[in-house]
Amino acid sequence: MIIKILGSGCKKCVTLADNAKAAVEAAGKTAEIVKVTDFAEIAGYGVMSTPALVVDEKLLCSGKVLSAVEIGHLL
């Protein structure tokens, strides 16, 4: 599983990445977490508001920071 955190690297982006890592660990799964800061690549996903969460190339959320529990339900 590849999880991408789309954003500039701001505090919200870091928090979303930490929550994604916690969700993966809680689910007993393995995943590679990639931070994407290139705005052209972010726009390619149709994201207008960051941070955004992409799992296996599927956009799951943008514009808010999901909790680890919320991410766990999406995995």
PDB file of N, CA and C in Angstrom:
ATOM      1  N   MET A   1       0.846  -1.159   0.000  1.00  0.00           N
ATOM      2  CA  MET A   1       0.000   0.000   0.000  1.00  0.00           C
ATOM      3  C   MET A   1       0.901   1.234   0.000  1.00  0.00           C
ATOM      4  N   ILE A   2       0.542   2.199  -0.827  1.00  0.00           N
ATOM      5  CA  ILE A   2       1.274   3.464  -0.881  1.00  0.00           C
ATOM      6  C   ILE A   2       0.315   4.578  -0.489  1.00  0.00           C
ATOM      7  N   ILE A   3       0.691   5.310   0.549  1.00  0.00           N
ATOM      8  CA  ILE A   3      -0.108   6.424   1.038  1.00  0.00           C
ATOM      9  C   ILE A   3       0.652   7.698   0.715  1.00  0.00           C
ATOM     10  N   LYS A   4      -0.037   8.621   0.047  1.00  0.00           N
ATOM     11  CA  LYS A   4       0.582   9.901  -0.283  1.00  0.00           C
ATOM     12  C   LYS A   4      -0.104  11.010   0.503  1.00  0.00           C
ATOM     13  N   ILE A   5       0.712  11.868   1.083  1.00  0.00           N
ATOM     14  CA  ILE A   5       0.227  13.060   1.759  1.00  0.00           C
ATOM     15  C   ILE A   5       0.555  14.229   0.835  1.00  0.00           C
ATOM     16  N   LEU A   6      -0.469  14.888   0.333  1.00  0.00           N
ATOM     17  CA  LEU A   6      -0.276  15.989  -0.598  1.00  0.00           C
ATOM     18  C   LEU A   6      -0.366  17.313   0.144  1.00  0.00           C
ATOM     19  N   GLY A   7       0.660  18.129   0.007  1.00  0.00           N
ATOM     20  CA  GLY A   7       0.644  19.435   0.647  1.00  0.00           C
ATOM     21  C   GLY A   7       2.013  20.070   0.672  1.00  0.00           C
ATOM     22  N   SER A   8       2.074  21.254   1.237  1.00  0.00           N
ATOM     23  CA  SER A   8       3.301  22.045   1.237  1.00  0.00           C
ATOM     24  C   SER A   8       4.308  21.614   2.293  1.00  0.00           C
ATOM     25  N   GLY A   9       3.890  20.771   3.216  1.00  0.00           N
ATOM     26  CA  GLY A   9       4.769  20.379   4.312  1.00  0.00           C
ATOM     27  C   GLY A   9       4.446  21.132   5.588  1.00  0.00           C
ATOM     28  N   CYS A  10       3.297  21.774   5.619  1.00  0.00           N
ATOM     29  CA  CYS A  10       2.869  22.546   6.784  1.00  0.00           C
ATOM     30  C   CYS A  10       2.538  21.614   7.956  1.00  0.00           C
ATOM     31  N   LYS A  11       2.221  22.220   9.087  1.00  0.00           N
ATOM     32  CA  LYS A  11       1.924  21.441  10.291  1.00  0.00           C
ATOM     33  C   LYS A  11       0.747  20.481  10.066  1.00  0.00           C
ATOM     34  N   LYS A  12      -0.272  20.922   9.341  1.00  0.00           N
ATOM     35  CA  LYS A  12      -1.428  20.051   9.071  1.00  0.00           C
ATOM     36  C   LYS A  12      -1.005  18.835   8.248  1.00  0.00           C
ATOM     37  N   CYS A  13      -0.103  19.039   7.301  1.00  0.00           N
ATOM     38  CA  CYS A  13       0.384  17.937   6.474  1.00  0.00           C
ATOM     39  C   CYS A  13       1.159  16.928   7.327  1.00  0.00           C
ATOM     40  N   VAL A  14       1.986  17.447   8.215  1.00  0.00           N
ATOM     41  CA  VAL A  14       2.765  16.581   9.102  1.00  0.00           C
ATOM     42  C   VAL A  14       1.835  15.788  10.015  1.00  0.00           C
ATOM     43  N   THR A  15       0.812  16.435  10.542  1.00  0.00           N
ATOM     44  CA  THR A  15      -0.151  15.759  11.415  1.00  0.00           C
ATOM     45  C   THR A  15      -0.897  14.667  10.659  1.00  0.00           C
ATOM     46  N   LEU A  16      -1.305  14.958   9.424  1.00  0.00           N
ATOM     47  CA  LEU A  16      -2.001  13.951   8.611  1.00  0.00           C
ATOM     48  C   LEU A  16      -1.091  12.753   8.352  1.00  0.00           C
ATOM     49  N   ALA A  17       0.179  12.997   8.079  1.00  0.00           N
ATOM     50  CA  ALA A  17       1.133  11.903   7.859  1.00  0.00           C
ATOM     51  C   ALA A  17       1.296  11.068   9.122  1.00  0.00           C
ATOM     52  N   ASP A  18       1.397  11.720  10.270  1.00  0.00           N
ATOM     53  CA  ASP A  18       1.513  10.995  11.541  1.00  0.00           C
ATOM     54  C   ASP A  18       0.266  10.158  11.811  1.00  0.00           C
ATOM     55  N   ASN A  19      -0.903  10.722  11.529  1.00  0.00           N
ATOM     56  CA  ASN A  19      -2.155   9.992  11.735  1.00  0.00           C
ATOM     57  C   ASN A  19      -2.273   8.805  10.783  1.00  0.00           C
ATOM     58  N   ALA A  20      -1.804   8.972   9.559  1.00  0.00           N
ATOM     59  CA  ALA A  20      -1.824   7.864   8.594  1.00  0.00           C
ATOM     60  C   ALA A  20      -0.918   6.736   9.063  1.00  0.00           C
ATOM     61  N   LYS A  21       0.260   7.100   9.557  1.00  0.00           N
ATOM     62  CA  LYS A  21       1.188   6.093  10.067  1.00  0.00           C
ATOM     63  C   LYS A  21       0.574   5.336  11.241  1.00  0.00           C
ATOM     64  N   ALA A  22      -0.067   6.059  12.152  1.00  0.00           N
ATOM     65  CA  ALA A  22      -0.712   5.428  13.307  1.00  0.00           C
ATOM     66  C   ALA A  22      -1.847   4.503  12.874  1.00  0.00           C
ATOM     67  N   ALA A  23      -2.611   4.919  11.864  1.00  0.00           N
ATOM     68  CA  ALA A  23      -3.725   4.101  11.372  1.00  0.00           C
ATOM     69  C   ALA A  23      -3.224   2.809  10.750  1.00  0.00           C
ATOM     70  N   VAL A  24      -2.144   2.901   9.994  1.00  0.00           N
ATOM     71  CA  VAL A  24      -1.569   1.712   9.354  1.00  0.00           C
ATOM     72  C   VAL A  24      -1.068   0.736  10.423  1.00  0.00           C
ATOM     73  N   GLU A  25      -0.381   1.263  11.415  1.00  0.00           N
ATOM     74  CA  GLU A  25       0.130   0.415  12.496  1.00  0.00           C
ATOM     75  C   GLU A  25      -1.006  -0.231  13.275  1.00  0.00           C
ATOM     76  N   ALA A  26      -2.058   0.536  13.565  1.00  0.00           N
ATOM     77  CA  ALA A  26      -3.204   0.010  14.310  1.00  0.00           C
ATOM     78  C   ALA A  26      -3.916  -1.094  13.535  1.00  0.00           C
ATOM     79  N   ALA A  27      -3.915  -0.977  12.206  1.00  0.00           N
ATOM     80  CA  ALA A  27      -4.570  -1.971  11.356  1.00  0.00           C
ATOM     81  C   ALA A  27      -3.688  -3.197  11.136  1.00  0.00           C
ATOM     82  N   GLY A  28      -2.438  -3.117  11.573  1.00  0.00           N
ATOM     83  CA  GLY A  28      -1.520  -4.241  11.391  1.00  0.00           C
ATOM     84  C   GLY A  28      -1.084  -4.419   9.948  1.00  0.00           C
ATOM     85  N   LYS A  29      -1.094  -3.323   9.197  1.00  0.00           N
ATOM     86  CA  LYS A  29      -0.714  -3.381   7.785  1.00  0.00           C
ATOM     87  C   LYS A  29       0.635  -2.706   7.595  1.00  0.00           C
ATOM     88  N   THR A  30       1.164  -2.855   6.399  1.00  0.00           N
ATOM     89  CA  THR A  30       2.398  -2.143   6.060  1.00  0.00           C
ATOM     90  C   THR A  30       2.087  -1.196   4.908  1.00  0.00           C
ATOM     91  N   ALA A  31       2.728  -0.051   4.946  1.00  0.00           N
ATOM     92  CA  ALA A  31       2.502   0.940   3.894  1.00  0.00           C
ATOM     93  C   ALA A  31       3.718   1.835   3.777  1.00  0.00           C
ATOM     94  N   GLU A  32       3.917   2.336   2.587  1.00  0.00           N
ATOM     95  CA  GLU A  32       4.933   3.345   2.352  1.00  0.00           C
ATOM     96  C   GLU A  32       4.217   4.695   2.351  1.00  0.00           C
ATOM     97  N   ILE A  33       4.696   5.613   3.169  1.00  0.00           N
ATOM     98  CA  ILE A  33       4.088   6.939   3.239  1.00  0.00           C
ATOM     99  C   ILE A  33       4.994   7.921   2.517  1.00  0.00           C
ATOM    100  N   VAL A  34       4.425   8.572   1.503  1.00  0.00           N
ATOM    101  CA  VAL A  34       5.175   9.478   0.642  1.00  0.00           C
ATOM    102  C   VAL A  34       4.582  10.878   0.781  1.00  0.00           C
ATOM    103  N   LYS A  35       5.444  11.862   0.961  1.00  0.00           N
ATOM    104  CA  LYS A  35       4.982  13.247   1.027  1.00  0.00           C
ATOM    105  C   LYS A  35       5.197  13.894  -0.337  1.00  0.00           C
ATOM    106  N   VAL A  36       4.131  14.443  -0.885  1.00  0.00           N
ATOM    107  CA  VAL A  36       4.175  15.076  -2.204  1.00  0.00           C
ATOM    108  C   VAL A  36       3.995  16.578  -2.012  1.00  0.00           C
ATOM    109  N   THR A  37       5.019  17.349  -2.394  1.00  0.00           N
ATOM    110  CA  THR A  37       4.964  18.795  -2.222  1.00  0.00           C
ATOM    111  C   THR A  37       4.935  19.550  -3.553  1.00  0.00           C
ATOM    112  N   ASP A  38       5.087  18.844  -4.662  1.00  0.00           N
ATOM    113  CA  ASP A  38       5.076  19.473  -5.983  1.00  0.00           C
ATOM    114  C   ASP A  38       3.639  19.855  -6.351  1.00  0.00           C
ATOM    115  N   PHE A  39       3.405  21.164  -6.509  1.00  0.00           N
ATOM    116  CA  PHE A  39       2.032  21.623  -6.738  1.00  0.00           C
ATOM    117  C   PHE A  39       1.452  21.150  -8.057  1.00  0.00           C
ATOM    118  N   ALA A  40       2.274  20.924  -9.062  1.00  0.00           N
ATOM    119  CA  ALA A  40       1.774  20.390 -10.330  1.00  0.00           C
ATOM    120  C   ALA A  40       1.269  18.964 -10.128  1.00  0.00           C
ATOM    121  N   GLU A  41       2.002  18.177  -9.374  1.00  0.00           N
ATOM    122  CA  GLU A  41       1.571  16.800  -9.092  1.00  0.00           C
ATOM    123  C   GLU A  41       0.310  16.800  -8.231  1.00  0.00           C
ATOM    124  N   ILE A  42       0.255  17.695  -7.238  1.00  0.00           N
ATOM    125  CA  ILE A  42      -0.930  17.793  -6.382  1.00  0.00           C
ATOM    126  C   ILE A  42      -2.150  18.163  -7.225  1.00  0.00           C
ATOM    127  N   ALA A  43      -1.989  19.129  -8.121  1.00  0.00           N
ATOM    128  CA  ALA A  43      -3.094  19.551  -8.991  1.00  0.00           C
ATOM    129  C   ALA A  43      -3.550  18.418  -9.901  1.00  0.00           C
ATOM    130  N   GLY A  44      -2.628  17.512 -10.242  1.00  0.00           N
ATOM    131  CA  GLY A  44      -2.958  16.363 -11.073  1.00  0.00           C
ATOM    132  C   GLY A  44      -3.988  15.436 -10.442  1.00  0.00           C
ATOM    133  N   TYR A  45      -4.095  15.501  -9.122  1.00  0.00           N
ATOM    134  CA  TYR A  45      -5.108  14.705  -8.416  1.00  0.00           C
ATOM    135  C   TYR A  45      -6.428  15.466  -8.295  1.00  0.00           C
ATOM    136  N   GLY A  46      -6.472  16.691  -8.792  1.00  0.00           N
ATOM    137  CA  GLY A  46      -7.685  17.495  -8.701  1.00  0.00           C
ATOM    138  C   GLY A  46      -7.860  18.145  -7.341  1.00  0.00           C
ATOM    139  N   VAL A  47      -6.796  18.210  -6.576  1.00  0.00           N
ATOM    140  CA  VAL A  47      -6.860  18.759  -5.223  1.00  0.00           C
ATOM    141  C   VAL A  47      -6.756  20.276  -5.285  1.00  0.00           C
ATOM    142  N   MET A  48      -7.707  20.949  -4.672  1.00  0.00           N
ATOM    143  CA  MET A  48      -7.698  22.403  -4.614  1.00  0.00           C
ATOM    144  C   MET A  48      -7.346  22.901  -3.208  1.00  0.00           C
ATOM    145  N   SER A  49      -7.455  22.021  -2.216  1.00  0.00           N
ATOM    146  CA  SER A  49      -7.194  22.398  -0.826  1.00  0.00           C
ATOM    147  C   SER A  49      -6.395  21.290  -0.157  1.00  0.00           C
ATOM    148  N   THR A  50      -5.295  21.666   0.473  1.00  0.00           N
ATOM    149  CA  THR A  50      -4.447  20.691   1.150  1.00  0.00           C
ATOM    150  C   THR A  50      -4.597  20.827   2.654  1.00  0.00           C
ATOM    151  N   PRO A  51      -4.240  19.819   3.419  1.00  0.00           N
ATOM    152  CA  PRO A  51      -3.604  18.583   2.986  1.00  0.00           C
ATOM    153  C   PRO A  51      -4.608  17.626   2.359  1.00  0.00           C
ATOM    154  N   ALA A  52      -4.072  16.667   1.631  1.00  0.00           N
ATOM    155  CA  ALA A  52      -4.913  15.652   1.006  1.00  0.00           C
ATOM    156  C   ALA A  52      -4.298  14.281   1.234  1.00  0.00           C
ATOM    157  N   LEU A  53      -5.156  13.271   1.239  1.00  0.00           N
ATOM    158  CA  LEU A  53      -4.736  11.894   1.484  1.00  0.00           C
ATOM    159  C   LEU A  53      -5.074  11.040   0.270  1.00  0.00           C
ATOM    160  N   VAL A  54      -4.056  10.376  -0.276  1.00  0.00           N
ATOM    161  CA  VAL A  54      -4.224   9.489  -1.423  1.00  0.00           C
ATOM    162  C   VAL A  54      -3.712   8.115  -1.020  1.00  0.00           C
ATOM    163  N   VAL A  55      -4.535   7.093  -1.214  1.00  0.00           N
ATOM    164  CA  VAL A  55      -4.134   5.717  -0.915  1.00  0.00           C
ATOM    165  C   VAL A  55      -4.224   4.909  -2.194  1.00  0.00           C
ATOM    166  N   ASP A  56      -3.103   4.339  -2.587  1.00  0.00           N
ATOM    167  CA  ASP A  56      -3.029   3.549  -3.823  1.00  0.00           C
ATOM    168  C   ASP A  56      -3.660   4.298  -4.997  1.00  0.00           C
ATOM    169  N   GLU A  57      -3.252   5.559  -5.144  1.00  0.00           N
ATOM    170  CA  GLU A  57      -3.655   6.450  -6.239  1.00  0.00           C
ATOM    171  C   GLU A  57      -5.137   6.833  -6.215  1.00  0.00           C
ATOM    172  N   LYS A  58      -5.832   6.610  -5.094  1.00  0.00           N
ATOM    173  CA  LYS A  58      -7.226   7.014  -4.968  1.00  0.00           C
ATOM    174  C   LYS A  58      -7.306   8.142  -3.939  1.00  0.00           C
ATOM    175  N   LEU A  59      -7.813   9.300  -4.356  1.00  0.00           N
ATOM    176  CA  LEU A  59      -7.967  10.434  -3.460  1.00  0.00           C
ATOM    177  C   LEU A  59      -9.082  10.136  -2.463  1.00  0.00           C
ATOM    178  N   LEU A  60      -8.742  10.139  -1.173  1.00  0.00           N
ATOM    179  CA  LEU A  60      -9.734   9.833  -0.148  1.00  0.00           C
ATOM    180  C   LEU A  60     -10.218  11.065   0.595  1.00  0.00           C
ATOM    181  N   CYS A  61      -9.380  12.089   0.675  1.00  0.00           N
ATOM    182  CA  CYS A  61      -9.753  13.265   1.450  1.00  0.00           C
ATOM    183  C   CYS A  61      -8.881  14.439   1.046  1.00  0.00           C
ATOM    184  N   SER A  62      -9.462  15.633   1.056  1.00  0.00           N
ATOM    185  CA  SER A  62      -8.649  16.837   0.848  1.00  0.00           C
ATOM    186  C   SER A  62      -9.235  17.971   1.662  1.00  0.00           C
ATOM    187  N   GLY A  63      -8.339  18.850   2.103  1.00  0.00           N
ATOM    188  CA  GLY A  63      -8.763  20.041   2.808  1.00  0.00           C
ATOM    189  C   GLY A  63      -8.966  19.903   4.296  1.00  0.00           C
ATOM    190  N   LYS A  64      -8.706  18.718   4.852  1.00  0.00           N
ATOM    191  CA  LYS A  64      -8.834  18.567   6.302  1.00  0.00           C
ATOM    192  C   LYS A  64      -7.896  17.481   6.802  1.00  0.00           C
ATOM    193  N   VAL A  65      -7.676  17.503   8.099  1.00  0.00           N
ATOM    194  CA  VAL A  65      -6.804  16.530   8.738  1.00  0.00           C
ATOM    195  C   VAL A  65      -7.679  15.462   9.379  1.00  0.00           C
ATOM    196  N   LEU A  66      -7.623  14.260   8.836  1.00  0.00           N
ATOM    197  CA  LEU A  66      -8.372  13.147   9.408  1.00  0.00           C
ATOM    198  C   LEU A  66      -7.622  12.580  10.610  1.00  0.00           C
ATOM    199  N   SER A  67      -8.367  12.067  11.570  1.00  0.00           N
ATOM    200  CA  SER A  67      -7.744  11.403  12.716  1.00  0.00           C
ATOM    201  C   SER A  67      -7.279  10.017  12.283  1.00  0.00           C
ATOM    202  N   ALA A  68      -6.471   9.393  13.116  1.00  0.00           N
ATOM    203  CA  ALA A  68      -6.001   8.029  12.833  1.00  0.00           C
ATOM    204  C   ALA A  68      -7.181   7.072  12.728  1.00  0.00           C
ATOM    205  N   VAL A  69      -8.181   7.264  13.558  1.00  0.00           N
ATOM    206  CA  VAL A  69      -9.371   6.392  13.531  1.00  0.00           C
ATOM    207  C   VAL A  69     -10.119   6.559  12.212  1.00  0.00           C
ATOM    208  N   GLU A  70     -10.294   7.806  11.771  1.00  0.00           N
ATOM    209  CA  GLU A  70     -10.996   8.056  10.506  1.00  0.00           C
ATOM    210  C   GLU A  70     -10.232   7.438   9.333  1.00  0.00           C
ATOM    211  N   ILE A  71      -8.910   7.577   9.346  1.00  0.00           N
ATOM    212  CA  ILE A  71      -8.107   6.979   8.275  1.00  0.00           C
ATOM    213  C   ILE A  71      -8.214   5.470   8.319  1.00  0.00           C
ATOM    214  N   GLY A  72      -8.198   4.901   9.519  1.00  0.00           N
ATOM    215  CA  GLY A  72      -8.337   3.455   9.679  1.00  0.00           C
ATOM    216  C   GLY A  72      -9.599   2.922   9.056  1.00  0.00           C
ATOM    217  N   HIS A  73     -10.699   3.663   9.172  1.00  0.00           N
ATOM    218  CA  HIS A  73     -11.964   3.231   8.559  1.00  0.00           C
ATOM    219  C   HIS A  73     -11.886   3.260   7.032  1.00  0.00           C
ATOM    220  N   LEU A  74     -11.079   4.164   6.485  1.00  0.00           N
ATOM    221  CA  LEU A  74     -10.939   4.262   5.028  1.00  0.00           C
ATOM    222  C   LEU A  74     -10.020   3.188   4.459  1.00  0.00           C
ATOM    223  N   LEU A  75      -9.114   2.676   5.294  1.00  0.00           N
ATOM    224  CA  LEU A  75      -8.191   1.653   4.808  1.00  0.00           C
ATOM    225  C   LEU A  75      -8.926   0.350   4.710  1.00  0.00           C
TER     226      LEU A  75
END
